[in-house]
Amino acid sequence: MTSDHPVRIALVGGGAFGAKHAAALQRIDGVDITAVASDSLENARRFAEKQDLGDLAVGGLDDVLGRDDVDGVVLATPTPVHAEQAIACLDAGKHVAVEIPMADSLADAEAVVAAQERSGLVAMVGHTRRYNPSHQWVRRRIAAGELSIQQMDVQTFFFRRENKNALGEPRSWTDHLLWHHAAHTVDLFAYQTDSPVVQANAIQGPTHPELGIAMDMSVQLRAENGAICTLSLSFNNDGPFGTFFRYIGDTGTCVARYDDLVTGEDEEIDVSDVDVSMDGIELQDRDFVACIRSGEQPRASVAKVMPCYRTLAALEQQLDAQSPS
């Protein structure tokens, strides 16, 4: 694709993360959003209007895949359909960026990777921590030999005792601490240490009687190079919300929360010049668009993040073995 040809993107998913991608894509030069889909045509129209996208609403993913004016698809849809929809995009000849997680089982993740290999198209997953300027700053210090991670101490805390999304709206599917929220840290740990995870342990708390999921979980990881990671996750925590990453290195400590970074003494670290934007979602969408143009695979390609899903599957086996029969 030539640089003067716009990259035509369809956005599927009218929820909180669909809105983040809509805003991000509209800030990228050379991108045309040509279709918007949600779980119904009515919701797609409502979403398109709210995002100032005009009359771009279509009925669903099938309508998107049959269009000639779509080069790539961004999927911000419910986790249970990620793998199926990503494969459908690739089989239809469309590049695809699917929100994290790629799948909620190892078999489905492997099927997505196989579909990418068959198609030769660009396929990536929204492992946004690879793109956040705060984490990029840490990675550059590591690459320069200025820091070696000894431990990552991570807290992922939300308050989700009801089945609602990030906007507080009812959800038709149930989120998961392991396959969604732990995926961010499991992937980032191996990525930042440049060392595969060789040991992984997990325990979980009681299962919620209505949601049917564990609301609290603890994960321990060890990389081949000796670095360790301790991850605590909760849907029971009543604020503050989000994920806090404490990098403990041989030459210093820093704490990252989304796009903010401070030292171990809570002194601000300026990361404003790390990349062209402070928005991790925008940066991953920029990578997607650039790779559609170049034919290369993104920083968070389905193949590159696959080790994360193997680790998640191993942790799931441990947790299943701990559950009462």
C-alpha atoms as a PDB file:
ATOM      1  CA  MET A   1       0.000   0.000   0.000  1.00  0.00           C
ATOM      2  CA  THR A   2       1.406   3.387  -0.966  1.00  0.00           C
ATOM      3  CA  SER A   3       1.814   6.136   1.598  1.00  0.00           C
ATOM      4  CA  ASP A   4      -0.643   8.412  -0.226  1.00  0.00           C
ATOM      5  CA  HIS A   5      -3.414   5.805  -0.054  1.00  0.00           C
ATOM      6  CA  PRO A   6      -5.558   6.081   3.094  1.00  0.00           C
ATOM      7  CA  VAL A   7      -5.731   3.028   5.317  1.00  0.00           C
ATOM      8  CA  ARG A   8      -9.424   2.191   5.598  1.00  0.00           C
ATOM      9  CA  ILE A   9     -10.427   0.883   9.008  1.00  0.00           C
ATOM     10  CA  ALA A  10     -13.680  -0.603  10.274  1.00  0.00           C
ATOM     11  CA  LEU A  11     -14.318  -0.341  14.006  1.00  0.00           C
ATOM     12  CA  VAL A  12     -16.370  -3.111  15.570  1.00  0.00           C
ATOM     13  CA  GLY A  13     -17.595  -2.632  19.140  1.00  0.00           C
ATOM     14  CA  GLY A  14     -19.525   0.262  20.589  1.00  0.00           C
ATOM     15  CA  GLY A  15     -18.440   0.110  24.222  1.00  0.00           C
ATOM     16  CA  ALA A  16     -15.862   1.884  26.365  1.00  0.00           C
ATOM     17  CA  PHE A  17     -12.843   0.641  24.409  1.00  0.00           C
ATOM     18  CA  GLY A  18     -14.555   1.157  21.086  1.00  0.00           C
ATOM     19  CA  ALA A  19     -14.784   4.813  22.063  1.00  0.00           C
ATOM     20  CA  LYS A  20     -11.063   4.908  22.912  1.00  0.00           C
ATOM     21  CA  HIS A  21     -10.187   3.464  19.500  1.00  0.00           C
ATOM     22  CA  ALA A  22     -12.574   5.805  17.703  1.00  0.00           C
ATOM     23  CA  ALA A  23     -10.852   8.807  19.268  1.00  0.00           C
ATOM     24  CA  ALA A  24      -7.381   7.394  18.625  1.00  0.00           C
ATOM     25  CA  LEU A  25      -7.974   6.500  14.971  1.00  0.00           C
ATOM     26  CA  GLN A  26      -9.333   9.970  14.248  1.00  0.00           C
ATOM     27  CA  ARG A  27      -6.014  11.443  15.428  1.00  0.00           C
ATOM     28  CA  ILE A  28      -3.927   9.407  12.965  1.00  0.00           C
ATOM     29  CA  ASP A  29      -3.156  10.974   9.596  1.00  0.00           C
ATOM     30  CA  GLY A  30      -3.908   8.817   6.584  1.00  0.00           C
ATOM     31  CA  VAL A  31      -6.645   6.791   8.265  1.00  0.00           C
ATOM     32  CA  ASP A  32     -10.252   6.691   7.122  1.00  0.00           C
ATOM     33  CA  ILE A  33     -12.831   5.027   9.356  1.00  0.00           C
ATOM     34  CA  THR A  34     -15.191   3.580   6.773  1.00  0.00           C
ATOM     35  CA  ALA A  35     -17.583   1.490   8.878  1.00  0.00           C
ATOM     36  CA  VAL A  36     -18.756   1.175  12.472  1.00  0.00           C
ATOM     37  CA  ALA A  37     -20.478  -1.924  13.835  1.00  0.00           C
ATOM     38  CA  SER A  38     -21.848  -2.919  17.216  1.00  0.00           C
ATOM     39  CA  ASP A  39     -24.194  -5.595  18.558  1.00  0.00           C
ATOM     40  CA  SER A  40     -27.075  -4.049  16.612  1.00  0.00           C
ATOM     41  CA  LEU A  41     -27.538  -1.510  13.843  1.00  0.00           C
ATOM     42  CA  GLU A  42     -29.342   0.797  16.261  1.00  0.00           C
ATOM     43  CA  ASN A  43     -26.446   0.718  18.744  1.00  0.00           C
ATOM     44  CA  ALA A  44     -23.932   1.196  15.930  1.00  0.00           C
ATOM     45  CA  ARG A  45     -25.801   4.309  14.777  1.00  0.00           C
ATOM     46  CA  ARG A  46     -25.920   5.655  18.316  1.00  0.00           C
ATOM     47  CA  PHE A  47     -22.200   4.996  18.807  1.00  0.00           C
ATOM     48  CA  ALA A  48     -21.232   6.553  15.463  1.00  0.00           C
ATOM     49  CA  GLU A  49     -23.215   9.674  16.273  1.00  0.00           C
ATOM     50  CA  LYS A  50     -21.634   9.979  19.710  1.00  0.00           C
ATOM     51  CA  GLN A  51     -18.133   9.613  18.205  1.00  0.00           C
ATOM     52  CA  ASP A  52     -18.789  12.151  15.413  1.00  0.00           C
ATOM     53  CA  LEU A  53     -18.401   9.463  12.770  1.00  0.00           C
ATOM     54  CA  GLY A  54     -21.433  10.363  10.708  1.00  0.00           C
ATOM     55  CA  ASP A  55     -23.440   7.796   8.783  1.00  0.00           C
ATOM     56  CA  LEU A  56     -20.994   4.885   8.984  1.00  0.00           C
ATOM     57  CA  ALA A  57     -23.078   2.392  10.967  1.00  0.00           C
ATOM     58  CA  VAL A  58     -23.557  -1.139   9.631  1.00  0.00           C
ATOM     59  CA  GLY A  59     -25.359  -4.146  11.056  1.00  0.00           C
ATOM     60  CA  GLY A  60     -22.444  -6.240  12.274  1.00  0.00           C
ATOM     61  CA  LEU A  61     -19.095  -7.846  11.524  1.00  0.00           C
ATOM     62  CA  ASP A  62     -20.434  -9.849   8.559  1.00  0.00           C
ATOM     63  CA  ASP A  63     -21.437  -6.584   6.876  1.00  0.00           C
ATOM     64  CA  VAL A  64     -17.946  -5.209   7.489  1.00  0.00           C
ATOM     65  CA  LEU A  65     -16.149  -8.240   6.047  1.00  0.00           C
ATOM     66  CA  GLY A  66     -18.047  -8.062   2.771  1.00  0.00           C
ATOM     67  CA  ARG A  67     -16.997  -4.476   2.038  1.00  0.00           C
ATOM     68  CA  ASP A  68     -14.347  -3.460  -0.482  1.00  0.00           C
ATOM     69  CA  ASP A  69     -13.571  -0.226   1.370  1.00  0.00           C
ATOM     70  CA  VAL A  70     -12.116  -1.940   4.468  1.00  0.00           C
ATOM     71  CA  ASP A  71      -8.406  -2.765   4.702  1.00  0.00           C
ATOM     72  CA  GLY A  72      -8.300  -3.573   8.410  1.00  0.00           C
ATOM     73  CA  VAL A  73     -10.640  -4.160  11.334  1.00  0.00           C
ATOM     74  CA  VAL A  74     -10.270  -3.070  14.949  1.00  0.00           C
ATOM     75  CA  LEU A  75     -12.211  -5.415  17.233  1.00  0.00           C
ATOM     76  CA  ALA A  76     -13.291  -3.913  20.561  1.00  0.00           C
ATOM     77  CA  THR A  77     -15.868  -6.606  21.214  1.00  0.00           C
ATOM     78  CA  PRO A  78     -16.606  -9.006  24.122  1.00  0.00           C
ATOM     79  CA  THR A  79     -13.770 -11.347  25.079  1.00  0.00           C
ATOM     80  CA  PRO A  80     -15.639 -14.603  24.275  1.00  0.00           C
ATOM     81  CA  VAL A  81     -15.852 -13.702  20.560  1.00  0.00           C
ATOM     82  CA  HIS A  82     -12.341 -12.282  20.083  1.00  0.00           C
ATOM     83  CA  ALA A  83     -10.769 -15.401  18.571  1.00  0.00           C
ATOM     84  CA  GLU A  84     -13.724 -16.271  16.337  1.00  0.00           C
ATOM     85  CA  GLN A  85     -13.995 -12.728  15.009  1.00  0.00           C
ATOM     86  CA  ALA A  86     -10.245 -12.285  14.507  1.00  0.00           C
ATOM     87  CA  ILE A  87     -10.119 -15.494  12.466  1.00  0.00           C
ATOM     88  CA  ALA A  88     -13.143 -14.379  10.432  1.00  0.00           C
ATOM     89  CA  CYS A  89     -11.385 -11.104   9.601  1.00  0.00           C
ATOM     90  CA  LEU A  90      -8.203 -12.842   8.487  1.00  0.00           C
ATOM     91  CA  ASP A  91     -10.096 -15.444   6.455  1.00  0.00           C
ATOM     92  CA  ALA A  92     -11.939 -12.585   4.727  1.00  0.00           C
ATOM     93  CA  GLY A  93      -8.645 -10.950   3.753  1.00  0.00           C
ATOM     94  CA  LYS A  94      -8.749  -8.156   6.332  1.00  0.00           C
ATOM     95  CA  HIS A  95      -5.917  -7.122   8.626  1.00  0.00           C
ATOM     96  CA  VAL A  96      -7.046  -7.249  12.244  1.00  0.00           C
ATOM     97  CA  ALA A  97      -6.289  -5.665  15.607  1.00  0.00           C
ATOM     98  CA  VAL A  98      -8.199  -7.378  18.403  1.00  0.00           C
ATOM     99  CA  GLU A  99      -8.457  -6.042  21.911  1.00  0.00           C
ATOM    100  CA  ILE A 100      -6.801  -7.945  24.753  1.00  0.00           C
ATOM    101  CA  PRO A 101      -7.154 -10.856  25.310  1.00  0.00           C
ATOM    102  CA  MET A 102      -6.673 -12.564  21.950  1.00  0.00           C
ATOM    103  CA  ALA A 103      -8.694 -15.493  23.307  1.00  0.00           C
ATOM    104  CA  ASP A 104      -9.841 -17.031  26.565  1.00  0.00           C
ATOM    105  CA  SER A 105      -8.305 -20.439  25.891  1.00  0.00           C
ATOM    106  CA  LEU A 106      -4.980 -21.694  24.573  1.00  0.00           C
ATOM    107  CA  ALA A 107      -6.600 -23.628  21.722  1.00  0.00           C
ATOM    108  CA  ASP A 108      -8.404 -20.535  20.462  1.00  0.00           C
ATOM    109  CA  ALA A 109      -5.248 -18.407  20.720  1.00  0.00           C
ATOM    110  CA  GLU A 110      -3.336 -20.997  18.698  1.00  0.00           C
ATOM    111  CA  ALA A 111      -6.119 -20.959  16.097  1.00  0.00           C
ATOM    112  CA  VAL A 112      -5.756 -17.181  15.699  1.00  0.00           C
ATOM    113  CA  VAL A 113      -2.000 -17.507  15.180  1.00  0.00           C
ATOM    114  CA  ALA A 114      -2.579 -20.277  12.613  1.00  0.00           C
ATOM    115  CA  ALA A 115      -5.066 -18.058  10.752  1.00  0.00           C
ATOM    116  CA  GLN A 116      -2.518 -15.239  10.622  1.00  0.00           C
ATOM    117  CA  GLU A 117       0.140 -17.585   9.284  1.00  0.00           C
ATOM    118  CA  ARG A 118      -2.243 -18.843   6.582  1.00  0.00           C
ATOM    119  CA  SER A 119      -3.212 -15.347   5.510  1.00  0.00           C
ATOM    120  CA  GLY A 120       0.112 -13.532   5.857  1.00  0.00           C
ATOM    121  CA  LEU A 121      -1.878 -10.486   6.990  1.00  0.00           C
ATOM    122  CA  VAL A 122      -1.203  -8.124   9.872  1.00  0.00           C
ATOM    123  CA  ALA A 123      -2.725  -9.401  13.119  1.00  0.00           C
ATOM    124  CA  MET A 124      -2.135  -7.859  16.521  1.00  0.00           C
ATOM    125  CA  VAL A 125      -3.547  -7.847  20.035  1.00  0.00           C
ATOM    126  CA  GLY A 126      -4.188  -4.839  22.280  1.00  0.00           C
ATOM    127  CA  HIS A 127      -1.343  -5.511  24.705  1.00  0.00           C
ATOM    128  CA  THR A 128      -1.268  -1.790  25.394  1.00  0.00           C
ATOM    129  CA  ARG A 129       1.437  -1.932  28.067  1.00  0.00           C
ATOM    130  CA  ARG A 130       3.988  -2.553  25.293  1.00  0.00           C
ATOM    131  CA  TYR A 131       3.034   0.899  23.973  1.00  0.00           C
ATOM    132  CA  ASN A 132       2.404   3.073  27.044  1.00  0.00           C
ATOM    133  CA  PRO A 133       5.142   5.759  27.193  1.00  0.00           C
ATOM    134  CA  SER A 134       5.797   4.924  30.856  1.00  0.00           C
ATOM    135  CA  HIS A 135       6.686   1.326  30.036  1.00  0.00           C
ATOM    136  CA  GLN A 136       8.551   2.350  26.878  1.00  0.00           C
ATOM    137  CA  TRP A 137      10.745   4.612  29.058  1.00  0.00           C
ATOM    138  CA  VAL A 138      11.626   1.659  31.284  1.00  0.00           C
ATOM    139  CA  ARG A 139      12.337  -0.568  28.290  1.00  0.00           C
ATOM    140  CA  ARG A 140      14.722   1.999  26.808  1.00  0.00           C
ATOM    141  CA  ARG A 141      16.689   2.118  30.059  1.00  0.00           C
ATOM    142  CA  ILE A 142      16.903  -1.661  30.015  1.00  0.00           C
ATOM    143  CA  ALA A 143      18.042  -1.684  26.372  1.00  0.00           C
ATOM    144  CA  ALA A 144      20.701   0.929  27.181  1.00  0.00           C
ATOM    145  CA  GLY A 145      22.073  -1.260  29.968  1.00  0.00           C
ATOM    146  CA  GLU A 146      21.077   1.297  32.619  1.00  0.00           C
ATOM    147  CA  LEU A 147      18.586  -0.942  34.436  1.00  0.00           C
ATOM    148  CA  SER A 148      18.086  -4.638  35.023  1.00  0.00           C
ATOM    149  CA  ILE A 149      14.748  -5.701  36.460  1.00  0.00           C
ATOM    150  CA  GLN A 150      15.026  -7.741  39.631  1.00  0.00           C
ATOM    151  CA  GLN A 151      11.332  -7.765  40.461  1.00  0.00           C
ATOM    152  CA  MET A 152       8.030  -6.418  39.212  1.00  0.00           C
ATOM    153  CA  ASP A 153       5.388  -5.935  41.902  1.00  0.00           C
ATOM    154  CA  VAL A 154       2.010  -5.341  40.277  1.00  0.00           C
ATOM    155  CA  GLN A 155      -1.480  -4.589  41.612  1.00  0.00           C
ATOM    156  CA  THR A 156      -4.551  -4.811  39.363  1.00  0.00           C
ATOM    157  CA  PHE A 157      -7.545  -3.622  41.348  1.00  0.00           C
ATOM    158  CA  PHE A 158     -11.163  -3.013  40.330  1.00  0.00           C
ATOM    159  CA  PHE A 159     -14.587  -3.027  41.957  1.00  0.00           C
ATOM    160  CA  ARG A 160     -16.722  -5.394  39.865  1.00  0.00           C
ATOM    161  CA  ARG A 161     -19.181  -7.119  42.199  1.00  0.00           C
ATOM    162  CA  GLU A 162     -21.832  -6.630  39.553  1.00  0.00           C
ATOM    163  CA  ASN A 163     -21.502  -7.586  35.897  1.00  0.00           C
ATOM    164  CA  LYS A 164     -20.836  -4.105  34.517  1.00  0.00           C
ATOM    165  CA  ASN A 165     -18.304  -2.643  32.119  1.00  0.00           C
ATOM    166  CA  ALA A 166     -15.829   0.199  32.584  1.00  0.00           C
ATOM    167  CA  LEU A 167     -18.643   2.699  32.018  1.00  0.00           C
ATOM    168  CA  GLY A 168     -20.794   1.142  34.741  1.00  0.00           C
ATOM    169  CA  GLU A 169     -23.217  -0.310  32.191  1.00  0.00           C
ATOM    170  CA  PRO A 170     -24.607  -3.890  32.308  1.00  0.00           C
ATOM    171  CA  ARG A 171     -22.446  -6.446  30.514  1.00  0.00           C
ATOM    172  CA  SER A 172     -23.675  -9.406  28.445  1.00  0.00           C
ATOM    173  CA  TRP A 173     -20.539 -11.413  29.255  1.00  0.00           C
ATOM    174  CA  THR A 174     -18.326 -11.870  32.309  1.00  0.00           C
ATOM    175  CA  ASP A 175     -14.831 -10.410  32.571  1.00  0.00           C
ATOM    176  CA  HIS A 176     -11.989 -12.564  33.918  1.00  0.00           C
ATOM    177  CA  LEU A 177      -9.024 -11.759  36.139  1.00  0.00           C
ATOM    178  CA  LEU A 178      -6.730 -14.391  34.600  1.00  0.00           C
ATOM    179  CA  TRP A 179      -7.453 -14.352  30.871  1.00  0.00           C
ATOM    180  CA  HIS A 180      -7.896 -10.597  30.623  1.00  0.00           C
ATOM    181  CA  HIS A 181      -6.310  -8.594  33.414  1.00  0.00           C
ATOM    182  CA  ALA A 182      -3.400 -10.909  34.252  1.00  0.00           C
ATOM    183  CA  ALA A 183      -2.568 -11.085  30.549  1.00  0.00           C
ATOM    184  CA  HIS A 184      -1.314  -7.487  30.631  1.00  0.00           C
ATOM    185  CA  THR A 185       1.267  -8.234  33.310  1.00  0.00           C
ATOM    186  CA  VAL A 186       2.267 -11.739  32.212  1.00  0.00           C
ATOM    187  CA  ASP A 187       3.078 -10.385  28.751  1.00  0.00           C
ATOM    188  CA  LEU A 188       4.757  -7.201  29.978  1.00  0.00           C
ATOM    189  CA  PHE A 189       7.007  -9.078  32.416  1.00  0.00           C
ATOM    190  CA  ALA A 190       8.420 -11.353  29.704  1.00  0.00           C
ATOM    191  CA  TYR A 191       8.648  -8.425  27.258  1.00  0.00           C
ATOM    192  CA  GLN A 192      10.506  -6.105  29.631  1.00  0.00           C
ATOM    193  CA  THR A 193      12.900  -8.745  30.934  1.00  0.00           C
ATOM    194  CA  ASP A 194      13.501 -10.157  27.422  1.00  0.00           C
ATOM    195  CA  SER A 195      13.385 -13.528  29.109  1.00  0.00           C
ATOM    196  CA  PRO A 196      10.757 -16.286  28.907  1.00  0.00           C
ATOM    197  CA  VAL A 197       8.676 -17.214  31.952  1.00  0.00           C
ATOM    198  CA  VAL A 198       9.967 -20.541  33.255  1.00  0.00           C
ATOM    199  CA  GLN A 199       7.954 -20.805  36.467  1.00  0.00           C
ATOM    200  CA  ALA A 200       4.394 -19.663  37.144  1.00  0.00           C
ATOM    201  CA  ASN A 201       2.192 -20.168  40.179  1.00  0.00           C
ATOM    202  CA  ALA A 202      -1.333 -18.996  40.988  1.00  0.00           C
ATOM    203  CA  ILE A 203      -3.899 -19.137  43.771  1.00  0.00           C
ATOM    204  CA  GLN A 204      -7.373 -17.653  43.849  1.00  0.00           C
ATOM    205  CA  GLY A 205     -10.020 -16.674  46.356  1.00  0.00           C
ATOM    206  CA  PRO A 206     -13.688 -17.679  46.599  1.00  0.00           C
ATOM    207  CA  THR A 207     -15.914 -17.840  43.557  1.00  0.00           C
ATOM    208  CA  HIS A 208     -18.616 -15.185  43.325  1.00  0.00           C
ATOM    209  CA  PRO A 209     -21.999 -16.952  43.714  1.00  0.00           C
ATOM    210  CA  GLU A 210     -23.627 -15.057  40.829  1.00  0.00           C
ATOM    211  CA  LEU A 211     -20.763 -14.128  38.502  1.00  0.00           C
ATOM    212  CA  GLY A 212     -19.176 -17.586  38.731  1.00  0.00           C
ATOM    213  CA  ILE A 213     -15.604 -16.256  38.756  1.00  0.00           C
ATOM    214  CA  ALA A 214     -12.884 -15.833  41.343  1.00  0.00           C
ATOM    215  CA  MET A 215     -12.862 -12.241  42.547  1.00  0.00           C
ATOM    216  CA  ASP A 216      -9.312 -12.290  43.939  1.00  0.00           C
ATOM    217  CA  MET A 217      -6.149 -13.876  42.588  1.00  0.00           C
ATOM    218  CA  SER A 218      -2.403 -13.942  43.165  1.00  0.00           C
ATOM    219  CA  VAL A 219       0.190 -14.859  40.520  1.00  0.00           C
ATOM    220  CA  GLN A 220       3.942 -15.420  40.841  1.00  0.00           C
ATOM    221  CA  LEU A 221       6.280 -15.561  37.862  1.00  0.00           C
ATOM    222  CA  ARG A 222       9.984 -16.231  37.404  1.00  0.00           C
ATOM    223  CA  ALA A 223      11.844 -15.457  34.185  1.00  0.00           C
ATOM    224  CA  GLU A 224      14.695 -17.533  32.827  1.00  0.00           C
ATOM    225  CA  ASN A 225      17.142 -14.733  33.726  1.00  0.00           C
ATOM    226  CA  GLY A 226      16.088 -14.890  37.396  1.00  0.00           C
ATOM    227  CA  ALA A 227      13.782 -11.855  37.562  1.00  0.00           C
ATOM    228  CA  ILE A 228      10.539 -12.395  39.458  1.00  0.00           C
ATOM    229  CA  CYS A 229       7.058 -10.895  39.332  1.00  0.00           C
ATOM    230  CA  THR A 230       4.340 -10.783  41.974  1.00  0.00           C
ATOM    231  CA  LEU A 231       0.861  -9.903  40.723  1.00  0.00           C
ATOM    232  CA  SER A 232      -2.191  -9.276  42.902  1.00  0.00           C
ATOM    233  CA  LEU A 233      -5.598  -8.962  41.227  1.00  0.00           C
ATOM    234  CA  SER A 234      -9.002  -8.141  42.689  1.00  0.00           C
ATOM    235  CA  PHE A 235     -12.546  -7.317  41.614  1.00  0.00           C
ATOM    236  CA  ASN A 236     -13.359  -6.633  45.270  1.00  0.00           C
ATOM    237  CA  ASN A 237     -11.177  -3.568  45.779  1.00  0.00           C
ATOM    238  CA  ASP A 238     -13.071  -0.367  46.551  1.00  0.00           C
ATOM    239  CA  GLY A 239     -10.563   2.098  45.022  1.00  0.00           C
ATOM    240  CA  PRO A 240      -8.203   3.281  43.789  1.00  0.00           C
ATOM    241  CA  PHE A 241      -8.789   1.456  40.506  1.00  0.00           C
ATOM    242  CA  GLY A 242      -6.413   0.357  37.783  1.00  0.00           C
ATOM    243  CA  THR A 243      -3.010  -1.278  37.615  1.00  0.00           C
ATOM    244  CA  PHE A 244       0.148  -0.129  39.371  1.00  0.00           C
ATOM    245  CA  PHE A 245       3.487  -1.522  38.175  1.00  0.00           C
ATOM    246  CA  ARG A 246       6.461  -1.221  40.517  1.00  0.00           C
ATOM    247  CA  TYR A 247       9.736  -1.909  38.717  1.00  0.00           C
ATOM    248  CA  ILE A 248      12.459  -2.827  41.190  1.00  0.00           C
ATOM    249  CA  GLY A 249      15.814  -2.767  39.436  1.00  0.00           C
ATOM    250  CA  ASP A 250      19.477  -3.041  40.279  1.00  0.00           C
ATOM    251  CA  THR A 251      19.950   0.727  39.821  1.00  0.00           C
ATOM    252  CA  GLY A 252      16.618   2.162  40.876  1.00  0.00           C
ATOM    253  CA  THR A 253      12.882   1.794  41.363  1.00  0.00           C
ATOM    254  CA  CYS A 254       9.984   3.355  39.458  1.00  0.00           C
ATOM    255  CA  VAL A 255       6.219   3.021  39.498  1.00  0.00           C
ATOM    256  CA  ALA A 256       4.033   3.148  36.402  1.00  0.00           C
ATOM    257  CA  ARG A 257       0.299   3.681  36.264  1.00  0.00           C
ATOM    258  CA  TYR A 258      -0.971   3.849  32.709  1.00  0.00           C
ATOM    259  CA  ASP A 259       0.891   6.825  31.185  1.00  0.00           C
ATOM    260  CA  ASP A 260       2.290   8.231  34.433  1.00  0.00           C
ATOM    261  CA  LEU A 261       5.693   7.289  35.830  1.00  0.00           C
ATOM    262  CA  VAL A 262       7.347   8.213  39.146  1.00  0.00           C
ATOM    263  CA  THR A 263      10.474   7.183  41.017  1.00  0.00           C
ATOM    264  CA  GLY A 264      10.367   5.010  44.102  1.00  0.00           C
ATOM    265  CA  GLU A 265      10.344   8.281  46.052  1.00  0.00           C
ATOM    266  CA  ASP A 266       7.225   9.423  44.150  1.00  0.00           C
ATOM    267  CA  GLU A 267       9.122  11.984  42.056  1.00  0.00           C
ATOM    268  CA  GLU A 268       7.610  12.526  38.607  1.00  0.00           C
ATOM    269  CA  ILE A 269       9.493  11.197  35.580  1.00  0.00           C
ATOM    270  CA  ASP A 270       8.761  13.107  32.376  1.00  0.00           C
ATOM    271  CA  VAL A 271       7.797  10.662  29.617  1.00  0.00           C
ATOM    272  CA  SER A 272       6.127  13.224  27.343  1.00  0.00           C
ATOM    273  CA  ASP A 273       8.841  12.968  24.676  1.00  0.00           C
ATOM    274  CA  VAL A 274       9.034   9.163  24.583  1.00  0.00           C
ATOM    275  CA  ASP A 275       6.660   8.845  21.616  1.00  0.00           C
ATOM    276  CA  VAL A 276       4.369  10.906  19.401  1.00  0.00           C
ATOM    277  CA  SER A 277       1.456  10.549  21.820  1.00  0.00           C
ATOM    278  CA  MET A 278       0.821   9.920  25.503  1.00  0.00           C
ATOM    279  CA  ASP A 279      -2.113   7.646  24.648  1.00  0.00           C
ATOM    280  CA  GLY A 280      -1.174   3.967  24.583  1.00  0.00           C
ATOM    281  CA  ILE A 281      -4.289   3.027  22.596  1.00  0.00           C
ATOM    282  CA  GLU A 282      -3.382   5.567  19.926  1.00  0.00           C
ATOM    283  CA  LEU A 283       0.194   4.272  19.794  1.00  0.00           C
ATOM    284  CA  GLN A 284      -0.897   0.675  19.291  1.00  0.00           C
ATOM    285  CA  ASP A 285      -3.356   1.785  16.572  1.00  0.00           C
ATOM    286  CA  ARG A 286      -0.528   3.738  14.904  1.00  0.00           C
ATOM    287  CA  ASP A 287       1.573   0.560  14.897  1.00  0.00           C
ATOM    288  CA  PHE A 288      -1.321  -1.353  13.332  1.00  0.00           C
ATOM    289  CA  VAL A 289      -1.754   1.216  10.552  1.00  0.00           C
ATOM    290  CA  ALA A 290       2.001   1.474   9.902  1.00  0.00           C
ATOM    291  CA  CYS A 291       2.301  -2.297   9.577  1.00  0.00           C
ATOM    292  CA  ILE A 292      -0.636  -2.474   7.165  1.00  0.00           C
ATOM    293  CA  ARG A 293       1.384  -0.089   4.995  1.00  0.00           C
ATOM    294  CA  SER A 294       4.716  -1.891   5.409  1.00  0.00           C
ATOM    295  CA  GLY A 295       3.571  -5.510   5.580  1.00  0.00           C
ATOM    296  CA  GLU A 296       5.559  -6.054   8.772  1.00  0.00           C
ATOM    297  CA  GLN A 297       4.115  -7.491  11.979  1.00  0.00           C
ATOM    298  CA  PRO A 298       3.428  -5.132  14.912  1.00  0.00           C
ATOM    299  CA  ARG A 299       5.157  -4.961  18.279  1.00  0.00           C
ATOM    300  CA  ALA A 300       2.200  -6.850  19.758  1.00  0.00           C
ATOM    301  CA  SER A 301       1.569  -9.273  16.902  1.00  0.00           C
ATOM    302  CA  VAL A 302      -0.405 -12.418  17.667  1.00  0.00           C
ATOM    303  CA  ALA A 303       2.768 -14.490  17.352  1.00  0.00           C
ATOM    304  CA  LYS A 304       4.841 -12.234  19.618  1.00  0.00           C
ATOM    305  CA  VAL A 305       2.301 -12.289  22.459  1.00  0.00           C
ATOM    306  CA  MET A 306       1.588 -16.020  22.186  1.00  0.00           C
ATOM    307  CA  PRO A 307       3.959 -16.994  25.066  1.00  0.00           C
ATOM    308  CA  CYS A 308       1.675 -15.027  27.391  1.00  0.00           C
ATOM    309  CA  TYR A 309      -1.276 -17.255  26.515  1.00  0.00           C
ATOM    310  CA  ARG A 310       0.716 -20.421  27.089  1.00  0.00           C
ATOM    311  CA  THR A 311       1.545 -19.145  30.580  1.00  0.00           C
ATOM    312  CA  LEU A 312      -2.103 -18.244  31.234  1.00  0.00           C
ATOM    313  CA  ALA A 313      -3.168 -21.742  30.201  1.00  0.00           C
ATOM    314  CA  ALA A 314      -0.643 -23.295  32.597  1.00  0.00           C
ATOM    315  CA  LEU A 315      -1.910 -21.067  35.401  1.00  0.00           C
ATOM    316  CA  GLU A 316      -5.497 -22.016  34.595  1.00  0.00           C
ATOM    317  CA  GLN A 317      -4.597 -25.697  34.942  1.00  0.00           C
ATOM    318  CA  GLN A 318      -3.190 -24.999  38.392  1.00  0.00           C
ATOM    319  CA  LEU A 319      -6.291 -23.092  39.458  1.00  0.00           C
ATOM    320  CA  ASP A 320      -8.611 -25.815  38.119  1.00  0.00           C
ATOM    321  CA  ALA A 321      -6.667 -28.409  40.126  1.00  0.00           C
ATOM    322  CA  GLN A 322      -7.168 -26.338  43.287  1.00  0.00           C
ATOM    323  CA  SER A 323     -10.936 -26.060  42.849  1.00  0.00           C
ATOM    324  CA  PRO A 324     -13.101 -28.405  44.911  1.00  0.00           C
ATOM    325  CA  SER A 325     -14.474 -31.256  42.822  1.00  0.00           C
END
